[in-house]
Amino acid sequence: MASTPDGRPIPPAHADERAMLEAWLDFQRATLATKVADLDDGQVRQAAVPPSTMTLLGLVQHLAEVERTWYQRVFAGREVSPVYGADNPDGYGLDRARGLAEALARWQAEVEHGRELTAGASLDAAGPLSAQAAAAVGSETVSLRWILVHLIEEYARHNGHADLLRECLDGVTGV
């Protein structure tokens, strides 16, 4: 598989739908990892775009929560607690005792868990939404296809945030 100069896997130009969706999601995941590479603890905790309190560490934690929500809660219909506890349901809150290495490990564990839960599942397989999400989406369930497309969108949006945060921290830019 071809890769970018920074090592991210380039999605194939031609593939079936599932392979294409998974490749683009993996590309977005790799982009997040690239955005936090080679930074120290102080840098990943810095909210570099005032008045926002968003940080790169918070983004990694949030995306672990996003993975858990869409794969475990929605696709698998499981009742699982938030990754970082009930008092931090979106994952953005920082804890002095938790650094980037731990956050990346938790995020990667959620990614792997999602892969295990969906391995061999049809793109048409559906999972239940909460009442609030169902009202917003207009359906009580969403398909795995919908979840994959949504995750690509979620990562792409947050990678845009990460681009700005990283550039403010040390001037590093890129796609």
N, C-alpha and C. Protein backbone atom coordinates (compact mmCIF):
# COMPACT_ATOMS: atom_id res chain seq x y z
N MET A 1 0.84 -1.17 0.00
CA MET A 1 0.00 0.00 0.00
C MET A 1 0.89 1.25 0.00
N ALA A 2 0.52 2.21 -0.80
CA ALA A 2 1.26 3.46 -0.88
C ALA A 2 1.01 4.28 0.38
N SER A 3 1.97 5.15 0.70
CA SER A 3 1.80 5.99 1.87
C SER A 3 2.32 7.39 1.58
N THR A 4 1.87 8.33 2.39
CA THR A 4 2.33 9.71 2.29
C THR A 4 3.75 9.78 2.85
N PRO A 5 4.48 10.87 2.61
CA PRO A 5 5.83 10.99 3.15
C PRO A 5 5.91 10.83 4.68
N ASP A 6 4.82 11.16 5.38
CA ASP A 6 4.82 11.01 6.84
C ASP A 6 4.32 9.64 7.29
N GLY A 7 4.06 8.74 6.34
CA GLY A 7 3.73 7.37 6.67
C GLY A 7 2.26 7.00 6.72
N ARG A 8 1.38 7.94 6.47
CA ARG A 8 -0.06 7.61 6.48
C ARG A 8 -0.42 6.81 5.25
N PRO A 9 -1.27 5.77 5.43
CA PRO A 9 -1.64 4.94 4.28
C PRO A 9 -2.57 5.68 3.33
N ILE A 10 -2.22 5.69 2.06
CA ILE A 10 -3.07 6.35 1.06
C ILE A 10 -4.18 5.38 0.65
N PRO A 11 -5.44 5.80 0.77
CA PRO A 11 -6.54 4.91 0.37
C PRO A 11 -6.42 4.52 -1.10
N PRO A 12 -6.87 3.30 -1.43
CA PRO A 12 -6.75 2.85 -2.81
C PRO A 12 -7.63 3.68 -3.75
N ALA A 13 -7.18 3.83 -4.97
CA ALA A 13 -7.95 4.57 -5.98
C ALA A 13 -9.16 3.77 -6.44
N HIS A 14 -9.09 2.46 -6.33
CA HIS A 14 -10.18 1.58 -6.74
C HIS A 14 -10.31 0.46 -5.71
N ALA A 15 -11.50 0.31 -5.16
CA ALA A 15 -11.75 -0.75 -4.19
C ALA A 15 -13.25 -0.89 -4.02
N ASP A 16 -13.68 -1.99 -3.40
CA ASP A 16 -15.11 -2.11 -3.12
C ASP A 16 -15.48 -1.11 -2.03
N GLU A 17 -16.77 -0.93 -1.82
CA GLU A 17 -17.25 0.12 -0.93
C GLU A 17 -16.69 -0.01 0.49
N ARG A 18 -16.73 -1.20 1.05
CA ARG A 18 -16.27 -1.38 2.43
C ARG A 18 -14.78 -1.08 2.56
N ALA A 19 -13.99 -1.63 1.64
CA ALA A 19 -12.55 -1.39 1.68
C ALA A 19 -12.25 0.11 1.54
N MET A 20 -12.99 0.79 0.69
CA MET A 20 -12.78 2.22 0.49
C MET A 20 -13.12 3.00 1.75
N LEU A 21 -14.28 2.72 2.35
CA LEU A 21 -14.68 3.43 3.57
C LEU A 21 -13.68 3.18 4.69
N GLU A 22 -13.29 1.95 4.89
CA GLU A 22 -12.35 1.63 5.96
C GLU A 22 -10.98 2.25 5.71
N ALA A 23 -10.56 2.31 4.46
CA ALA A 23 -9.26 2.91 4.14
C ALA A 23 -9.27 4.41 4.43
N TRP A 24 -10.36 5.09 4.06
CA TRP A 24 -10.42 6.53 4.33
C TRP A 24 -10.52 6.81 5.83
N LEU A 25 -11.23 5.96 6.57
CA LEU A 25 -11.28 6.13 8.01
C LEU A 25 -9.90 5.91 8.62
N ASP A 26 -9.18 4.89 8.17
CA ASP A 26 -7.82 4.66 8.66
C ASP A 26 -6.89 5.82 8.32
N PHE A 27 -7.07 6.42 7.16
CA PHE A 27 -6.27 7.59 6.78
C PHE A 27 -6.53 8.73 7.75
N GLN A 28 -7.79 8.97 8.07
CA GLN A 28 -8.12 10.05 9.01
C GLN A 28 -7.58 9.75 10.40
N ARG A 29 -7.67 8.49 10.83
CA ARG A 29 -7.10 8.12 12.13
C ARG A 29 -5.59 8.36 12.14
N ALA A 30 -4.92 7.97 11.07
CA ALA A 30 -3.47 8.17 10.99
C ALA A 30 -3.12 9.66 10.98
N THR A 31 -3.99 10.47 10.40
CA THR A 31 -3.77 11.91 10.39
C THR A 31 -3.79 12.46 11.81
N LEU A 32 -4.74 12.00 12.61
CA LEU A 32 -4.79 12.44 14.01
C LEU A 32 -3.49 12.07 14.73
N ALA A 33 -3.04 10.84 14.55
CA ALA A 33 -1.79 10.41 15.21
C ALA A 33 -0.61 11.26 14.76
N THR A 34 -0.59 11.64 13.49
CA THR A 34 0.49 12.47 12.96
C THR A 34 0.46 13.86 13.60
N LYS A 35 -0.73 14.38 13.84
CA LYS A 35 -0.87 15.73 14.40
C LYS A 35 -0.33 15.84 15.82
N VAL A 36 -0.31 14.72 16.56
CA VAL A 36 0.18 14.78 17.94
C VAL A 36 1.59 14.21 18.10
N ALA A 37 2.17 13.73 17.01
CA ALA A 37 3.50 13.13 17.08
C ALA A 37 4.56 14.15 17.46
N ASP A 38 5.50 13.71 18.26
CA ASP A 38 6.67 14.51 18.62
C ASP A 38 6.36 15.77 19.44
N LEU A 39 5.25 15.76 20.15
CA LEU A 39 4.92 16.89 21.02
C LEU A 39 5.10 16.47 22.47
N ASP A 40 5.42 17.45 23.34
CA ASP A 40 5.55 17.13 24.75
C ASP A 40 4.22 17.33 25.47
N ASP A 41 4.19 16.95 26.75
CA ASP A 41 2.96 16.99 27.52
C ASP A 41 2.37 18.40 27.59
N GLY A 42 3.20 19.38 27.75
CA GLY A 42 2.71 20.76 27.81
C GLY A 42 2.07 21.19 26.51
N GLN A 43 2.68 20.81 25.41
CA GLN A 43 2.14 21.21 24.10
C GLN A 43 0.77 20.59 23.85
N VAL A 44 0.59 19.30 24.12
CA VAL A 44 -0.70 18.66 23.82
C VAL A 44 -1.81 19.13 24.75
N ARG A 45 -1.45 19.81 25.83
CA ARG A 45 -2.43 20.34 26.78
C ARG A 45 -2.75 21.81 26.51
N GLN A 46 -2.03 22.42 25.60
CA GLN A 46 -2.18 23.85 25.36
C GLN A 46 -3.35 24.14 24.44
N ALA A 47 -4.24 25.02 24.89
CA ALA A 47 -5.34 25.51 24.05
C ALA A 47 -4.78 26.67 23.26
N ALA A 48 -4.42 26.42 22.02
CA ALA A 48 -3.65 27.38 21.24
C ALA A 48 -4.49 28.36 20.43
N VAL A 49 -5.80 28.23 20.46
CA VAL A 49 -6.65 29.11 19.65
C VAL A 49 -7.72 29.73 20.55
N PRO A 50 -7.34 30.75 21.36
CA PRO A 50 -8.31 31.37 22.27
C PRO A 50 -9.51 31.95 21.51
N PRO A 51 -10.68 31.93 22.05
CA PRO A 51 -11.01 31.58 23.42
C PRO A 51 -11.31 30.08 23.62
N SER A 52 -11.11 29.29 22.62
CA SER A 52 -11.39 27.86 22.73
C SER A 52 -10.50 27.19 23.79
N THR A 53 -11.02 26.19 24.47
CA THR A 53 -10.25 25.41 25.42
C THR A 53 -9.84 24.07 24.80
N MET A 54 -10.10 23.87 23.51
CA MET A 54 -9.77 22.62 22.85
C MET A 54 -8.26 22.42 22.80
N THR A 55 -7.83 21.19 23.08
CA THR A 55 -6.41 20.82 23.05
C THR A 55 -6.23 19.57 22.20
N LEU A 56 -5.01 19.32 21.79
CA LEU A 56 -4.74 18.09 21.05
C LEU A 56 -4.96 16.85 21.91
N LEU A 57 -4.58 16.90 23.18
CA LEU A 57 -4.84 15.78 24.07
C LEU A 57 -6.34 15.55 24.22
N GLY A 58 -7.08 16.62 24.38
CA GLY A 58 -8.54 16.52 24.47
C GLY A 58 -9.15 15.92 23.21
N LEU A 59 -8.60 16.26 22.04
CA LEU A 59 -9.11 15.69 20.79
C LEU A 59 -8.88 14.18 20.73
N VAL A 60 -7.70 13.73 21.14
CA VAL A 60 -7.42 12.28 21.14
C VAL A 60 -8.40 11.58 22.08
N GLN A 61 -8.59 12.14 23.27
CA GLN A 61 -9.51 11.55 24.23
C GLN A 61 -10.94 11.55 23.68
N HIS A 62 -11.35 12.65 23.07
CA HIS A 62 -12.69 12.76 22.51
C HIS A 62 -12.91 11.71 21.43
N LEU A 63 -11.92 11.52 20.57
CA LEU A 63 -12.09 10.56 19.49
C LEU A 63 -12.10 9.12 19.99
N ALA A 64 -11.49 8.85 21.13
CA ALA A 64 -11.65 7.54 21.78
C ALA A 64 -13.11 7.36 22.18
N GLU A 65 -13.70 8.41 22.72
CA GLU A 65 -15.11 8.37 23.11
C GLU A 65 -16.02 8.22 21.89
N VAL A 66 -15.69 8.91 20.82
CA VAL A 66 -16.46 8.79 19.58
C VAL A 66 -16.44 7.35 19.07
N GLU A 67 -15.26 6.74 19.05
CA GLU A 67 -15.14 5.34 18.62
C GLU A 67 -16.02 4.44 19.50
N ARG A 68 -15.94 4.63 20.82
CA ARG A 68 -16.74 3.81 21.73
C ARG A 68 -18.23 4.01 21.48
N THR A 69 -18.63 5.25 21.32
CA THR A 69 -20.06 5.54 21.11
C THR A 69 -20.60 4.84 19.88
N TRP A 70 -19.93 5.04 18.75
CA TRP A 70 -20.51 4.54 17.50
C TRP A 70 -20.37 3.04 17.32
N TYR A 71 -19.32 2.46 17.82
CA TYR A 71 -19.18 1.01 17.67
C TYR A 71 -19.83 0.22 18.80
N GLN A 72 -19.56 0.59 20.04
CA GLN A 72 -20.09 -0.19 21.14
C GLN A 72 -21.53 0.18 21.49
N ARG A 73 -21.79 1.48 21.67
CA ARG A 73 -23.14 1.89 22.07
C ARG A 73 -24.14 1.76 20.94
N VAL A 74 -23.78 2.27 19.77
CA VAL A 74 -24.75 2.27 18.67
C VAL A 74 -24.72 0.95 17.91
N PHE A 75 -23.63 0.61 17.28
CA PHE A 75 -23.62 -0.59 16.45
C PHE A 75 -23.92 -1.85 17.24
N ALA A 76 -23.25 -2.02 18.37
CA ALA A 76 -23.44 -3.24 19.16
C ALA A 76 -24.57 -3.12 20.19
N GLY A 77 -25.10 -1.92 20.39
CA GLY A 77 -26.21 -1.74 21.32
C GLY A 77 -25.85 -1.98 22.77
N ARG A 78 -24.61 -1.77 23.12
CA ARG A 78 -24.15 -2.02 24.48
C ARG A 78 -24.29 -0.77 25.35
N GLU A 79 -24.51 -1.01 26.63
CA GLU A 79 -24.50 0.08 27.61
C GLU A 79 -23.13 0.07 28.26
N VAL A 80 -22.27 0.96 27.82
CA VAL A 80 -20.91 1.05 28.36
C VAL A 80 -20.68 2.47 28.88
N SER A 81 -19.87 2.56 29.91
CA SER A 81 -19.59 3.85 30.50
C SER A 81 -18.66 4.66 29.59
N PRO A 82 -18.62 5.98 29.79
CA PRO A 82 -17.69 6.80 29.01
C PRO A 82 -16.24 6.37 29.27
N VAL A 83 -15.41 6.50 28.29
CA VAL A 83 -14.00 6.10 28.38
C VAL A 83 -13.33 6.77 29.57
N TYR A 84 -13.58 8.06 29.78
CA TYR A 84 -12.91 8.82 30.83
C TYR A 84 -13.82 9.14 32.00
N GLY A 85 -14.89 8.38 32.17
CA GLY A 85 -15.76 8.52 33.33
C GLY A 85 -16.98 9.38 33.07
N ALA A 86 -17.97 9.21 33.94
CA ALA A 86 -19.25 9.89 33.80
C ALA A 86 -19.13 11.41 33.87
N ASP A 87 -18.10 11.91 34.56
CA ASP A 87 -17.92 13.36 34.67
C ASP A 87 -17.19 13.96 33.46
N ASN A 88 -16.84 13.12 32.48
CA ASN A 88 -16.14 13.57 31.27
C ASN A 88 -16.70 12.81 30.05
N PRO A 89 -18.02 12.91 29.82
CA PRO A 89 -18.65 12.08 28.80
C PRO A 89 -18.22 12.35 27.36
N ASP A 90 -17.70 13.53 27.07
CA ASP A 90 -17.24 13.81 25.71
C ASP A 90 -15.74 13.60 25.54
N GLY A 91 -15.04 13.37 26.66
CA GLY A 91 -13.61 13.08 26.62
C GLY A 91 -12.69 14.29 26.57
N TYR A 92 -13.22 15.47 26.46
CA TYR A 92 -12.37 16.65 26.30
C TYR A 92 -11.63 17.06 27.59
N GLY A 93 -12.20 16.72 28.75
CA GLY A 93 -11.59 17.11 30.01
C GLY A 93 -10.23 16.47 30.22
N LEU A 94 -9.29 17.25 30.71
CA LEU A 94 -7.93 16.76 30.92
C LEU A 94 -7.70 16.42 32.39
N ASP A 95 -6.82 15.47 32.62
CA ASP A 95 -6.43 15.03 33.95
C ASP A 95 -4.90 15.09 33.99
N ARG A 96 -4.35 15.75 34.99
CA ARG A 96 -2.88 15.89 35.09
C ARG A 96 -2.18 14.55 35.11
N ALA A 97 -2.82 13.53 35.65
CA ALA A 97 -2.20 12.21 35.76
C ALA A 97 -2.23 11.41 34.46
N ARG A 98 -2.98 11.88 33.47
CA ARG A 98 -3.12 11.15 32.21
C ARG A 98 -2.46 11.95 31.10
N GLY A 99 -1.45 11.33 30.48
CA GLY A 99 -0.73 11.99 29.40
C GLY A 99 -1.10 11.43 28.04
N LEU A 100 -0.37 11.88 27.05
CA LEU A 100 -0.66 11.51 25.67
C LEU A 100 -0.49 10.02 25.41
N ALA A 101 0.55 9.41 25.97
CA ALA A 101 0.77 7.98 25.71
C ALA A 101 -0.43 7.15 26.16
N GLU A 102 -0.95 7.44 27.34
CA GLU A 102 -2.12 6.71 27.83
C GLU A 102 -3.35 6.99 26.97
N ALA A 103 -3.54 8.26 26.61
CA ALA A 103 -4.69 8.62 25.77
C ALA A 103 -4.62 7.93 24.41
N LEU A 104 -3.43 7.90 23.81
CA LEU A 104 -3.28 7.22 22.52
C LEU A 104 -3.55 5.72 22.65
N ALA A 105 -3.10 5.12 23.73
CA ALA A 105 -3.33 3.68 23.95
C ALA A 105 -4.82 3.40 24.10
N ARG A 106 -5.51 4.23 24.85
CA ARG A 106 -6.97 4.04 25.02
C ARG A 106 -7.69 4.24 23.70
N TRP A 107 -7.30 5.27 22.96
CA TRP A 107 -7.91 5.53 21.65
C TRP A 107 -7.69 4.34 20.73
N GLN A 108 -6.46 3.85 20.66
CA GLN A 108 -6.14 2.72 19.80
C GLN A 108 -6.92 1.47 20.22
N ALA A 109 -7.11 1.27 21.53
CA ALA A 109 -7.89 0.14 22.01
C ALA A 109 -9.35 0.24 21.56
N GLU A 110 -9.89 1.45 21.56
CA GLU A 110 -11.27 1.64 21.08
C GLU A 110 -11.36 1.40 19.58
N VAL A 111 -10.35 1.82 18.83
CA VAL A 111 -10.32 1.56 17.38
C VAL A 111 -10.33 0.05 17.14
N GLU A 112 -9.48 -0.66 17.84
CA GLU A 112 -9.40 -2.13 17.66
C GLU A 112 -10.68 -2.82 18.08
N HIS A 113 -11.29 -2.35 19.15
CA HIS A 113 -12.55 -2.93 19.60
C HIS A 113 -13.62 -2.74 18.53
N GLY A 114 -13.67 -1.57 17.93
CA GLY A 114 -14.62 -1.31 16.85
C GLY A 114 -14.39 -2.23 15.66
N ARG A 115 -13.14 -2.44 15.31
CA ARG A 115 -12.83 -3.36 14.21
C ARG A 115 -13.33 -4.77 14.51
N GLU A 116 -13.11 -5.21 15.75
CA GLU A 116 -13.57 -6.55 16.15
C GLU A 116 -15.09 -6.65 16.09
N LEU A 117 -15.79 -5.63 16.56
CA LEU A 117 -17.25 -5.66 16.58
C LEU A 117 -17.87 -5.67 15.19
N THR A 118 -17.19 -5.08 14.23
CA THR A 118 -17.77 -4.96 12.89
C THR A 118 -17.17 -5.93 11.88
N ALA A 119 -16.18 -6.69 12.27
CA ALA A 119 -15.54 -7.64 11.34
C ALA A 119 -16.60 -8.58 10.78
N GLY A 120 -16.69 -8.62 9.48
CA GLY A 120 -17.63 -9.52 8.81
C GLY A 120 -19.07 -9.04 8.78
N ALA A 121 -19.37 -7.92 9.42
CA ALA A 121 -20.74 -7.40 9.42
C ALA A 121 -21.05 -6.75 8.08
N SER A 122 -22.28 -6.86 7.66
CA SER A 122 -22.74 -6.20 6.44
C SER A 122 -22.77 -4.69 6.65
N LEU A 123 -22.51 -3.94 5.61
CA LEU A 123 -22.64 -2.48 5.69
C LEU A 123 -24.08 -2.08 5.97
N ASP A 124 -25.03 -2.97 5.69
CA ASP A 124 -26.44 -2.69 5.95
C ASP A 124 -26.87 -3.07 7.36
N ALA A 125 -26.02 -3.74 8.13
CA ALA A 125 -26.34 -4.08 9.52
C ALA A 125 -26.58 -2.79 10.28
N ALA A 126 -27.58 -2.79 11.16
CA ALA A 126 -27.96 -1.56 11.84
C ALA A 126 -27.83 -1.68 13.34
N GLY A 127 -27.60 -0.53 13.96
CA GLY A 127 -27.54 -0.44 15.41
C GLY A 127 -28.50 0.62 15.90
N PRO A 128 -28.95 0.49 17.15
CA PRO A 128 -29.96 1.40 17.71
C PRO A 128 -29.38 2.73 18.17
N LEU A 129 -30.12 3.78 17.92
CA LEU A 129 -29.74 5.11 18.39
C LEU A 129 -30.47 5.45 19.69
N SER A 130 -29.91 6.35 20.45
CA SER A 130 -30.62 6.87 21.61
C SER A 130 -31.82 7.66 21.11
N ALA A 131 -32.77 7.92 21.98
CA ALA A 131 -33.95 8.68 21.57
C ALA A 131 -33.57 10.06 21.04
N GLN A 132 -32.61 10.70 21.69
CA GLN A 132 -32.17 12.03 21.26
C GLN A 132 -31.52 11.97 19.88
N ALA A 133 -30.63 11.00 19.67
CA ALA A 133 -29.98 10.86 18.36
C ALA A 133 -30.98 10.46 17.29
N ALA A 134 -31.92 9.58 17.63
CA ALA A 134 -32.93 9.15 16.67
C ALA A 134 -33.77 10.34 16.20
N ALA A 135 -34.09 11.23 17.12
CA ALA A 135 -34.86 12.42 16.75
C ALA A 135 -34.08 13.29 15.78
N ALA A 136 -32.77 13.42 15.99
CA ALA A 136 -31.94 14.24 15.11
C ALA A 136 -31.76 13.59 13.75
N VAL A 137 -31.56 12.28 13.72
CA VAL A 137 -31.29 11.56 12.48
C VAL A 137 -32.58 11.25 11.71
N GLY A 138 -33.67 11.09 12.42
CA GLY A 138 -34.94 10.76 11.78
C GLY A 138 -35.14 9.26 11.61
N SER A 139 -34.42 8.47 12.39
CA SER A 139 -34.53 7.02 12.34
C SER A 139 -34.09 6.46 13.69
N GLU A 140 -34.65 5.33 14.07
CA GLU A 140 -34.28 4.71 15.34
C GLU A 140 -32.98 3.92 15.24
N THR A 141 -32.51 3.68 14.02
CA THR A 141 -31.27 2.94 13.80
C THR A 141 -30.45 3.60 12.70
N VAL A 142 -29.18 3.23 12.65
CA VAL A 142 -28.31 3.63 11.53
C VAL A 142 -27.52 2.40 11.10
N SER A 143 -27.16 2.37 9.84
CA SER A 143 -26.39 1.25 9.29
C SER A 143 -24.91 1.41 9.59
N LEU A 144 -24.19 0.32 9.48
CA LEU A 144 -22.73 0.38 9.61
C LEU A 144 -22.17 1.32 8.55
N ARG A 145 -22.73 1.33 7.37
CA ARG A 145 -22.30 2.25 6.31
C ARG A 145 -22.41 3.70 6.80
N TRP A 146 -23.54 4.04 7.40
CA TRP A 146 -23.77 5.39 7.93
C TRP A 146 -22.72 5.71 8.99
N ILE A 147 -22.46 4.75 9.89
CA ILE A 147 -21.48 4.96 10.96
C ILE A 147 -20.10 5.23 10.38
N LEU A 148 -19.68 4.45 9.40
CA LEU A 148 -18.36 4.66 8.79
C LEU A 148 -18.25 6.02 8.13
N VAL A 149 -19.27 6.41 7.39
CA VAL A 149 -19.24 7.73 6.74
C VAL A 149 -19.22 8.82 7.81
N HIS A 150 -20.02 8.66 8.85
CA HIS A 150 -20.04 9.66 9.92
C HIS A 150 -18.68 9.76 10.60
N LEU A 151 -18.04 8.62 10.87
CA LEU A 151 -16.72 8.66 11.51
C LEU A 151 -15.68 9.34 10.63
N ILE A 152 -15.73 9.12 9.33
CA ILE A 152 -14.81 9.81 8.41
C ILE A 152 -15.04 11.33 8.54
N GLU A 153 -16.29 11.74 8.54
CA GLU A 153 -16.63 13.16 8.68
C GLU A 153 -16.16 13.70 10.03
N GLU A 154 -16.40 12.96 11.10
CA GLU A 154 -16.02 13.39 12.45
C GLU A 154 -14.51 13.58 12.55
N TYR A 155 -13.75 12.58 12.08
CA TYR A 155 -12.30 12.70 12.12
C TYR A 155 -11.82 13.85 11.23
N ALA A 156 -12.37 13.99 10.04
CA ALA A 156 -11.91 15.05 9.13
C ALA A 156 -12.12 16.43 9.76
N ARG A 157 -13.27 16.61 10.40
CA ARG A 157 -13.56 17.90 11.04
C ARG A 157 -12.57 18.15 12.18
N HIS A 158 -12.37 17.15 13.03
CA HIS A 158 -11.47 17.34 14.15
C HIS A 158 -10.00 17.41 13.71
N ASN A 159 -9.66 16.76 12.62
CA ASN A 159 -8.30 16.91 12.10
C ASN A 159 -8.05 18.33 11.61
N GLY A 160 -9.09 19.00 11.15
CA GLY A 160 -8.97 20.42 10.82
C GLY A 160 -8.65 21.23 12.06
N HIS A 161 -9.33 20.91 13.16
CA HIS A 161 -9.00 21.58 14.43
C HIS A 161 -7.55 21.29 14.81
N ALA A 162 -7.17 20.02 14.68
CA ALA A 162 -5.80 19.61 15.05
C ALA A 162 -4.76 20.34 14.19
N ASP A 163 -5.07 20.55 12.91
CA ASP A 163 -4.16 21.31 12.04
C ASP A 163 -3.89 22.69 12.63
N LEU A 164 -4.95 23.38 13.01
CA LEU A 164 -4.79 24.73 13.56
C LEU A 164 -4.04 24.72 14.89
N LEU A 165 -4.41 23.78 15.76
CA LEU A 165 -3.72 23.69 17.06
C LEU A 165 -2.24 23.42 16.87
N ARG A 166 -1.91 22.48 16.01
CA ARG A 166 -0.50 22.12 15.80
C ARG A 166 0.26 23.29 15.19
N GLU A 167 -0.32 23.95 14.22
CA GLU A 167 0.38 25.08 13.61
C GLU A 167 0.63 26.19 14.62
N CYS A 168 -0.32 26.45 15.51
CA CYS A 168 -0.13 27.47 16.55
C CYS A 168 0.95 27.06 17.54
N LEU A 169 1.09 25.76 17.77
CA LEU A 169 2.08 25.29 18.75
C LEU A 169 3.50 25.38 18.25
N ASP A 170 3.74 24.87 17.02
CA ASP A 170 5.13 24.80 16.55
C ASP A 170 5.32 25.09 15.07
N GLY A 171 4.25 25.55 14.42
CA GLY A 171 4.37 25.91 13.02
C GLY A 171 4.24 24.76 12.03
N VAL A 172 4.10 23.52 12.53
CA VAL A 172 3.99 22.36 11.63
C VAL A 172 2.64 22.39 10.97
N THR A 173 2.64 22.26 9.64
CA THR A 173 1.41 22.23 8.87
C THR A 173 1.43 21.01 7.96
N GLY A 174 0.29 20.76 7.35
CA GLY A 174 0.22 19.65 6.40
C GLY A 174 -1.16 19.05 6.37
N VAL A 175 -1.34 18.16 5.43
CA VAL A 175 -2.65 17.53 5.27
C VAL A 175 -2.71 16.21 5.99
